[in-house]
Amino acid sequence: MRFSRKTIISVFFVIVAAIFISTIELPYYVYKPGRADSLETMVVVEDGYESEGSMHLLTVTAMKATPLQYIVGKVKPFYEITPIEAVRIEDETDEEYKQRQLYMMEESQNASTIVAYEAADADIEIIYNGAYVVNTVKNMPADDLLEPGDVIKLVDHIELETSNDLVEYVAQKEKGDVITIKFERDNKEFTEDIEIVNFPNDEEQFGVGIQLTSNVEVHVDPKVEFSSGQIGGPSAGLMFALKIYDQLVEEDLTKGKKIAGTGQIDYEGNVLPIGGADKKVVAADREGSDVFFVPYEQGREGSNYEEALQAAEKIKTNMDIVPVDTFEEALLYLENIE
């Protein structure tokens, strides 16, 4: 069979168009429901108690948008299109972004361990070593002075325990103020003055331009091991803490049920908001979960809880959507569940 020149040209352009819409990356991310991963082998306390039920962390699948994925993301339920500048720090590479997510996961594991072991009155030693620099924001004052890996120990001669100490201190300052930080790099100490300025393209937000995590050493007995692989971000904190606690105490918190949830946890046990609550409801429902914990955010309008409720109604799930502001609230719910 012979094809005309016009047919060949048409087929060629169809192939090129197909390659373009399926491979060319646009400056957007597409987010969609991910998985409900079991914590049974992901978080293991040495000689810990076993449970009849199970606990699950929830993920959101994120991918760089191609034209085809962008179109699909606009029409499919529980898909979300987000500009890349809303996700990435300016000029942040793929590897730097991935590393930042893993740093947040590590801090989440430390915080959940502290909360769970203290709640269970188990043996724990905590050594606070200041704030760890994950990255700096381009064209901000810290960009030329600090590097990833630096450990900030003092700010204006005030000793730091966690990254939140520095964040809260800077929040009390005003634009144009100068703070003095003392930090370690390669086992050497340095001191720098840094001015507080507005962030690029955001006149309402100010700071020095540092992405931080806490530099905390946690020693526990019995030991706990995490195997979260390449899962990043802080949103598994609440479920990590519940899973650790469930292995430290004899009582079975699960009561034979599938317990899922999301929420960042801080060192005081507060449950903080996360992204993609609606998508995580879908993932939990697909797993057949009985309970879904979600940040309540003190009941504010547009909270993670409201987002989760709306998603639950859309998919007509039978899960109990449980709002919590603290680890203690989640623990109390499970202790009283039938």
Protein backbone atom coordinates (compact mmCIF):
# COMPACT_ATOMS: atom_id res chain seq x y z
CA MET A 1 0.00 0.00 0.00
CA ARG A 2 1.35 3.40 -1.03
CA PHE A 3 0.66 6.56 0.93
CA SER A 4 0.44 10.02 -0.50
CA ARG A 5 2.83 12.76 0.57
CA LYS A 6 -0.07 14.58 2.26
CA THR A 7 -0.93 11.49 4.30
CA ILE A 8 2.69 10.99 5.39
CA ILE A 9 2.98 14.63 6.47
CA SER A 10 -0.30 14.39 8.38
CA VAL A 11 0.82 11.24 10.20
CA PHE A 12 4.15 12.90 11.01
CA PHE A 13 2.47 15.91 12.61
CA VAL A 14 0.08 13.65 14.55
CA ILE A 15 3.06 11.74 15.96
CA VAL A 16 4.89 14.97 16.85
CA ALA A 17 1.75 16.35 18.51
CA ALA A 18 1.27 13.13 20.49
CA ILE A 19 4.87 13.23 21.69
CA PHE A 20 4.49 16.89 22.64
CA ILE A 21 1.32 16.57 24.70
CA SER A 22 2.59 13.48 26.52
CA THR A 23 6.22 14.41 27.24
CA ILE A 24 6.81 18.19 27.24
CA GLU A 25 6.86 19.48 30.82
CA LEU A 26 4.84 22.57 31.72
CA PRO A 27 5.57 24.86 34.73
CA TYR A 28 2.90 23.11 36.81
CA TYR A 29 2.50 20.13 39.11
CA VAL A 30 -0.44 17.75 38.95
CA TYR A 31 -1.55 16.35 42.32
CA LYS A 32 -3.87 13.37 42.63
CA PRO A 33 -4.82 10.76 45.27
CA GLY A 34 -1.90 8.52 46.15
CA ARG A 35 -1.64 5.44 48.35
CA ALA A 36 -2.56 4.32 51.84
CA ASP A 37 0.70 2.70 52.97
CA SER A 38 0.65 0.32 55.93
CA LEU A 39 2.85 1.27 58.87
CA GLU A 40 3.17 -2.35 60.05
CA THR A 41 6.68 -2.71 58.63
CA MET A 42 7.44 0.98 58.16
CA VAL A 43 7.52 1.87 61.88
CA VAL A 44 8.76 -0.92 64.15
CA VAL A 45 9.41 -0.69 67.89
CA GLU A 46 11.77 -3.37 69.17
CA ASP A 47 9.76 -6.10 70.95
CA GLY A 48 6.68 -3.89 70.63
CA TYR A 49 3.12 -5.05 71.22
CA GLU A 50 1.16 -6.25 68.19
CA SER A 51 -2.33 -5.15 67.14
CA GLU A 52 -5.20 -6.88 65.39
CA GLY A 53 -5.92 -3.90 63.14
CA SER A 54 -3.60 -1.69 61.13
CA MET A 55 -2.49 1.91 60.75
CA HIS A 56 -1.78 3.71 57.48
CA LEU A 57 -0.11 6.88 56.30
CA LEU A 58 -1.52 8.55 53.20
CA THR A 59 0.28 10.01 50.23
CA VAL A 60 -0.53 12.38 47.41
CA THR A 61 0.96 11.60 44.01
CA ALA A 62 2.72 14.60 42.48
CA MET A 63 4.07 14.84 38.95
CA LYS A 64 5.27 17.56 36.63
CA ALA A 65 2.49 18.36 34.21
CA THR A 66 2.63 17.57 30.54
CA PRO A 67 -0.04 19.12 28.29
CA LEU A 68 -1.98 15.84 28.42
CA GLN A 69 -1.74 15.57 32.22
CA TYR A 70 -2.71 19.24 32.53
CA ILE A 71 -5.91 18.62 30.55
CA VAL A 72 -6.70 15.48 32.56
CA GLY A 73 -6.01 17.36 35.81
CA LYS A 74 -8.52 20.03 34.86
CA VAL A 75 -11.40 17.60 34.40
CA LYS A 76 -10.84 14.65 36.77
CA PRO A 77 -12.19 14.88 40.33
CA PHE A 78 -9.66 15.24 43.14
CA TYR A 79 -6.91 16.29 40.71
CA GLU A 80 -5.24 19.64 41.32
CA ILE A 81 -3.04 21.85 39.12
CA THR A 82 -0.49 23.96 41.00
CA PRO A 83 2.05 26.42 39.52
CA ILE A 84 5.59 25.22 40.08
CA GLU A 85 6.60 28.48 41.81
CA ALA A 86 4.06 27.70 44.54
CA VAL A 87 5.88 24.42 45.25
CA ARG A 88 9.54 25.08 44.63
CA ILE A 89 11.96 27.61 46.04
CA GLU A 90 13.32 29.81 43.24
CA ASP A 91 16.04 27.96 41.25
CA GLU A 92 15.61 24.85 43.42
CA THR A 93 16.64 21.72 41.52
CA ASP A 94 14.74 18.43 41.50
CA GLU A 95 17.35 16.91 43.81
CA GLU A 96 17.25 19.87 46.22
CA TYR A 97 13.46 19.71 46.36
CA LYS A 98 13.56 15.98 47.03
CA GLN A 99 16.18 16.45 49.74
CA ARG A 100 14.10 19.17 51.40
CA GLN A 101 11.13 16.80 51.53
CA LEU A 102 13.27 14.08 53.10
CA TYR A 103 14.58 16.51 55.74
CA MET A 104 10.98 17.30 56.68
CA MET A 105 10.22 13.60 56.90
CA GLU A 106 13.19 13.13 59.24
CA GLU A 107 11.99 15.93 61.51
CA SER A 108 8.52 14.40 61.46
CA GLN A 109 9.96 11.10 62.64
CA ASN A 110 11.85 12.80 65.47
CA ALA A 111 8.80 14.74 66.61
CA SER A 112 6.50 11.71 66.47
CA THR A 113 9.02 9.62 68.43
CA ILE A 114 9.29 12.25 71.17
CA VAL A 115 5.51 12.67 71.44
CA ALA A 116 4.79 8.93 71.52
CA TYR A 117 7.53 7.92 73.97
CA GLU A 118 6.68 10.75 76.36
CA ALA A 119 2.97 9.88 76.21
CA ALA A 120 3.77 6.23 76.94
CA ASP A 121 6.19 7.23 79.71
CA ALA A 122 8.91 5.23 77.94
CA ASP A 123 12.66 5.78 78.19
CA ILE A 124 13.77 8.70 76.00
CA GLU A 125 16.67 11.16 75.87
CA ILE A 126 16.36 14.30 73.73
CA ILE A 127 19.31 16.46 72.70
CA TYR A 128 18.38 19.74 71.01
CA ASN A 129 21.16 21.06 68.76
CA GLY A 130 19.60 24.09 67.11
CA ALA A 131 18.25 24.68 63.61
CA TYR A 132 19.58 22.90 60.53
CA VAL A 133 19.70 24.87 57.26
CA VAL A 134 18.01 22.89 54.48
CA ASN A 135 18.14 25.60 51.81
CA THR A 136 18.24 29.35 51.29
CA VAL A 137 15.98 31.56 49.19
CA LYS A 138 17.61 33.24 46.21
CA ASN A 139 18.07 37.01 46.46
CA MET A 140 17.38 36.98 50.19
CA PRO A 141 20.00 38.09 52.78
CA ALA A 142 20.82 34.55 53.97
CA ASP A 143 21.53 33.35 50.43
CA ASP A 144 25.12 34.64 50.36
CA LEU A 145 25.88 33.86 54.00
CA LEU A 146 24.47 30.43 54.79
CA GLU A 147 24.68 27.05 53.09
CA PRO A 148 22.65 23.83 53.34
CA GLY A 149 24.06 21.83 56.23
CA ASP A 150 24.88 24.81 58.45
CA VAL A 151 23.64 24.44 62.03
CA ILE A 152 22.40 27.65 63.69
CA LYS A 153 23.00 27.56 67.44
CA LEU A 154 22.40 31.16 68.59
CA VAL A 155 20.38 34.16 67.45
CA ASP A 156 21.19 37.46 69.19
CA HIS A 157 22.93 35.39 71.90
CA ILE A 158 19.71 33.39 72.52
CA GLU A 159 20.26 29.63 72.42
CA LEU A 160 18.06 27.75 69.94
CA GLU A 161 16.64 24.32 70.60
CA THR A 162 14.58 23.77 67.43
CA SER A 163 13.96 25.48 64.10
CA ASN A 164 10.66 26.81 65.41
CA ASP A 165 12.54 28.89 68.00
CA LEU A 166 14.21 30.85 65.19
CA VAL A 167 11.00 31.16 63.18
CA GLU A 168 9.12 32.56 66.18
CA TYR A 169 11.95 34.95 67.05
CA VAL A 170 12.11 36.39 63.53
CA ALA A 171 8.29 36.73 63.49
CA GLN A 172 8.60 39.19 66.38
CA LYS A 173 10.92 41.44 64.39
CA GLU A 174 10.15 44.09 61.79
CA LYS A 175 11.38 44.75 58.29
CA GLY A 176 14.83 46.35 58.44
CA ASP A 177 15.81 44.81 61.78
CA VAL A 178 19.15 43.02 61.90
CA ILE A 179 19.72 39.77 63.78
CA THR A 180 23.05 38.17 64.65
CA ILE A 181 23.33 34.42 64.18
CA LYS A 182 26.04 32.04 65.27
CA PHE A 183 26.33 28.83 63.28
CA GLU A 184 28.57 25.83 62.66
CA ARG A 185 29.93 24.67 59.31
CA ASP A 186 32.46 21.86 58.92
CA ASN A 187 33.12 21.93 62.69
CA LYS A 188 33.97 25.64 62.59
CA GLU A 189 31.95 28.46 64.15
CA PHE A 190 30.89 31.61 62.29
CA THR A 191 28.94 34.74 63.22
CA GLU A 192 26.96 36.85 60.74
CA ASP A 193 24.58 39.80 60.86
CA ILE A 194 21.50 39.32 58.66
CA GLU A 195 18.86 41.89 57.79
CA ILE A 196 15.16 41.06 57.79
CA VAL A 197 13.54 41.97 54.45
CA ASN A 198 10.43 41.23 52.38
CA PHE A 199 10.36 38.03 50.37
CA PRO A 200 10.54 38.43 46.58
CA ASN A 201 7.08 38.95 45.07
CA ASP A 202 5.43 39.00 48.53
CA GLU A 203 5.28 42.35 50.30
CA GLU A 204 3.37 40.90 53.26
CA GLN A 205 5.90 38.20 54.18
CA PHE A 206 9.33 38.99 55.58
CA GLY A 207 12.33 37.10 56.93
CA VAL A 208 15.94 36.30 56.10
CA GLY A 209 15.30 33.54 53.54
CA ILE A 210 16.17 30.26 55.25
CA GLN A 211 14.48 26.87 54.90
CA LEU A 212 15.01 25.10 58.24
CA THR A 213 14.55 21.84 60.07
CA SER A 214 15.38 21.00 63.68
CA ASN A 215 18.72 19.40 64.51
CA VAL A 216 17.57 17.00 67.21
CA GLU A 217 19.09 13.77 68.53
CA VAL A 218 16.63 11.29 69.98
CA HIS A 219 17.73 8.20 71.95
CA VAL A 220 15.03 5.76 73.03
CA ASP A 221 14.65 2.39 74.71
CA PRO A 222 13.20 0.23 73.26
CA LYS A 223 14.54 1.25 69.88
CA VAL A 224 12.30 2.31 67.01
CA GLU A 225 13.14 1.89 63.33
CA PHE A 226 11.63 3.82 60.42
CA SER A 227 11.62 2.48 56.85
CA SER A 228 9.80 5.19 54.93
CA GLY A 229 12.01 4.96 51.84
CA GLN A 230 11.64 7.93 49.51
CA ILE A 231 8.39 9.22 51.01
CA GLY A 232 8.98 12.84 51.94
CA GLY A 233 7.25 15.68 53.71
CA PRO A 234 5.93 16.10 57.26
CA SER A 235 2.30 14.96 56.96
CA ALA A 236 2.76 11.43 58.36
CA GLY A 237 3.73 12.73 61.81
CA LEU A 238 0.44 12.04 63.58
CA MET A 239 0.17 8.49 62.25
CA PHE A 240 3.83 7.77 63.08
CA ALA A 241 3.20 8.88 66.68
CA LEU A 242 0.05 6.73 67.00
CA LYS A 243 1.79 3.68 65.53
CA ILE A 244 4.77 4.04 67.88
CA TYR A 245 2.53 4.50 70.92
CA ASP A 246 0.40 1.49 69.92
CA GLN A 247 3.53 -0.70 70.08
CA LEU A 248 4.72 0.75 73.39
CA VAL A 249 1.52 0.04 75.34
CA GLU A 250 -0.26 -3.25 75.87
CA GLU A 251 -3.70 -1.95 74.90
CA ASP A 252 -4.59 -2.47 71.23
CA LEU A 253 -5.53 0.99 69.96
CA THR A 254 -6.78 -0.32 66.63
CA LYS A 255 -9.50 -2.63 68.04
CA GLY A 256 -9.07 -4.62 64.82
CA LYS A 257 -9.89 -1.65 62.58
CA LYS A 258 -8.01 0.08 59.76
CA ILE A 259 -6.88 3.47 61.05
CA ALA A 260 -5.70 6.09 58.55
CA GLY A 261 -4.91 9.75 58.93
CA THR A 262 -2.80 12.74 58.11
CA GLY A 263 -1.32 15.72 59.91
CA GLN A 264 2.06 17.17 60.73
CA ILE A 265 2.98 16.89 64.41
CA ASP A 266 5.25 19.22 66.37
CA TYR A 267 7.40 18.47 69.42
CA GLU A 268 4.55 19.43 71.76
CA GLY A 269 2.06 17.04 70.12
CA ASN A 270 0.06 19.64 68.20
CA VAL A 271 -1.41 18.43 64.91
CA LEU A 272 -0.74 20.95 62.14
CA PRO A 273 -2.37 21.39 58.70
CA ILE A 274 -1.15 19.65 55.57
CA GLY A 275 -1.87 19.70 51.85
CA GLY A 276 -4.15 17.42 49.87
CA ALA A 277 -6.60 16.40 52.59
CA ASP A 278 -9.30 15.66 50.01
CA LYS A 279 -7.00 13.41 48.00
CA LYS A 280 -5.97 11.53 51.13
CA VAL A 281 -9.61 10.84 51.96
CA VAL A 282 -9.91 9.12 48.57
CA ALA A 283 -6.74 7.08 49.19
CA ALA A 284 -7.93 6.04 52.66
CA ASP A 285 -11.35 5.03 51.34
CA ARG A 286 -9.80 2.92 48.58
CA GLU A 287 -7.89 1.04 51.29
CA GLY A 288 -11.14 0.36 53.15
CA SER A 289 -10.17 2.41 56.19
CA ASP A 290 -12.59 2.72 59.11
CA VAL A 291 -11.20 5.94 60.61
CA PHE A 292 -9.59 9.00 59.03
CA PHE A 293 -7.83 11.52 61.30
CA VAL A 294 -7.42 15.03 59.90
CA PRO A 295 -6.22 18.39 61.30
CA TYR A 296 -9.11 20.43 62.72
CA GLU A 297 -7.18 23.73 62.74
CA GLN A 298 -9.25 24.99 65.68
CA GLY A 299 -12.32 24.83 63.44
CA ARG A 300 -11.29 27.62 61.09
CA GLU A 301 -13.19 28.11 57.84
CA GLY A 302 -11.59 26.20 54.98
CA SER A 303 -9.71 23.86 57.32
CA ASN A 304 -8.30 20.46 56.41
CA TYR A 305 -11.30 19.00 58.24
CA GLU A 306 -13.81 20.88 56.07
CA GLU A 307 -11.90 19.83 52.96
CA ALA A 308 -11.94 16.19 54.10
CA LEU A 309 -15.65 16.28 54.93
CA GLN A 310 -16.51 17.62 51.49
CA ALA A 311 -14.47 14.89 49.82
CA ALA A 312 -16.04 12.22 52.04
CA GLU A 313 -19.51 13.37 51.03
CA LYS A 314 -18.61 13.32 47.33
CA ILE A 315 -17.34 9.75 47.39
CA LYS A 316 -20.01 8.64 49.91
CA THR A 317 -17.49 6.93 52.18
CA ASN A 318 -18.45 5.14 55.39
CA MET A 319 -15.23 6.20 57.13
CA ASP A 320 -15.44 8.19 60.34
CA ILE A 321 -13.82 11.58 59.58
CA VAL A 322 -12.27 12.59 62.91
CA PRO A 323 -10.94 16.15 63.44
CA VAL A 324 -8.04 16.55 65.87
CA ASP A 325 -5.82 19.40 67.03
CA THR A 326 -3.51 17.31 69.22
CA PHE A 327 -2.06 13.84 69.52
CA GLU A 328 -3.94 13.44 72.81
CA GLU A 329 -7.28 13.96 71.05
CA ALA A 330 -6.52 11.23 68.50
CA LEU A 331 -5.33 8.93 71.27
CA LEU A 332 -8.48 9.52 73.32
CA TYR A 333 -10.68 8.76 70.33
CA LEU A 334 -8.96 5.41 69.73
CA GLU A 335 -9.00 4.47 73.41
CA ASN A 336 -12.78 5.01 73.47
CA ILE A 337 -13.61 3.42 70.12
CA GLU A 338 -15.84 0.34 70.30
